[in-house]
Amino acid sequence: QGCTQKYIVKNYFYYYLFRFSAALGEEIFYITFLPFTYWNIDHSVSRRMIIVWSIVMYIGQVSKDILKWPRPLSPPVVKLEIRTNAEYGMPSTHAMAATAISFSFFIATMNQYKYPFELGLVAAFVFSTLVCLSRLYTGMHTVLDVIGGALISAVLLVVLYPAWDVIDHLLLTSPFCPLLSIVVPLVLCYNYPKLDYYSPTRGDTTTILGAAAGATVGFWLNNQYTAPVHASKSFQLGFPLITSKMVIVLARFFVGILVVLLTRWLMKNVVLAVLGYRYKFPIRDLEARRRLEVEVPYKFITYSSVGFTATVIVPLLHELLGL
């Protein structure tokens, strides 16, 4: 199903603002911002955001397919996105992710770095609000979907916050962490709620849990054998960045993103080739790639490799390159 409505853009400022804001709740943002915080800001902040993000998104995605609330009717609204139109509407996972990431970042940094409390609070509120409003502007959600998503995230943050330090400690020190980090997400993905038709929610959920699983194994491995887990000293909020430091930050980011994207491309093709050989289907067969026995291992292995690369391989490469 695609969007066949024609529309005229009357205000290009709002159009580009909210199309950009909508992208802040999608893979392009996750695969850039979350690794950036790990490489350049603070390991502990990044760990907390990734764990909160994965839990919030899993609950949000499953809730969609349990509640089965439809998206807004089109017409009267004009839907500016096609891919997510096959998903149900309630709750808005864009709103959930934006609220979880922005406020978990604010909460995790407010006691570690020197910046005005009000500034951090306003920044988190503006970020999450822009993403929430973008879902209304693009016609993908109702006001209730967005409010419900933001409230669910807020409640989960309140529930998870007291356990942050305990969870973080267990992830870094428990000998069972690598095994549980892989097995639990895989069980959740293979037992995802079944629908009468194909929806990208299961694949998206597998992508998120896979990335978090790979990153979590990386966190544990770093703590056991390689990189220190304390805050990175390369970037301190509240202090002006001199030109040379900014160059290093950008170099880390672009080198890291290049390696992450190459990992995703390589693993995607290798895993699909292996699964295509095992289940006898051509790699470009979209219908075959949507089958449970193909979609879950393909996305989980690909994105767990991405998460592991971002947390282990890229920092080692940074060290090798003197970054």
Foldseek 3Di string as FASTA:
>chain_A
DFFPDDDDDPDVVLVVLLVVLQCCLDDVVVLFVLLLCCQAWWLLLSLLLLVLLLVLLLVQLLVQVVVVAAADDPVVDGAPDTQQNQTHQAAPSSLLSLLSNLVSSLVVCVVPADDDNVVSVVVSVVSSVSNLVSCVNNRGHDPCNNVRSNVSNVVSCVVCVVCSVVVLVCLQDPPCNLVCLPVVLLVCLLPRDDDPDFHCSSLVSLLSSLLSSLLSVLNNCCSVDNPPNGTDPLDGPPDDDDPVSVVLSVVLSVLLSVVLVVLLVVLLVVLLVVVCVVVVDDSPPPVVCRDSVRSNVNSNVSNSSSNNCSRHVSVVVCVVVVD
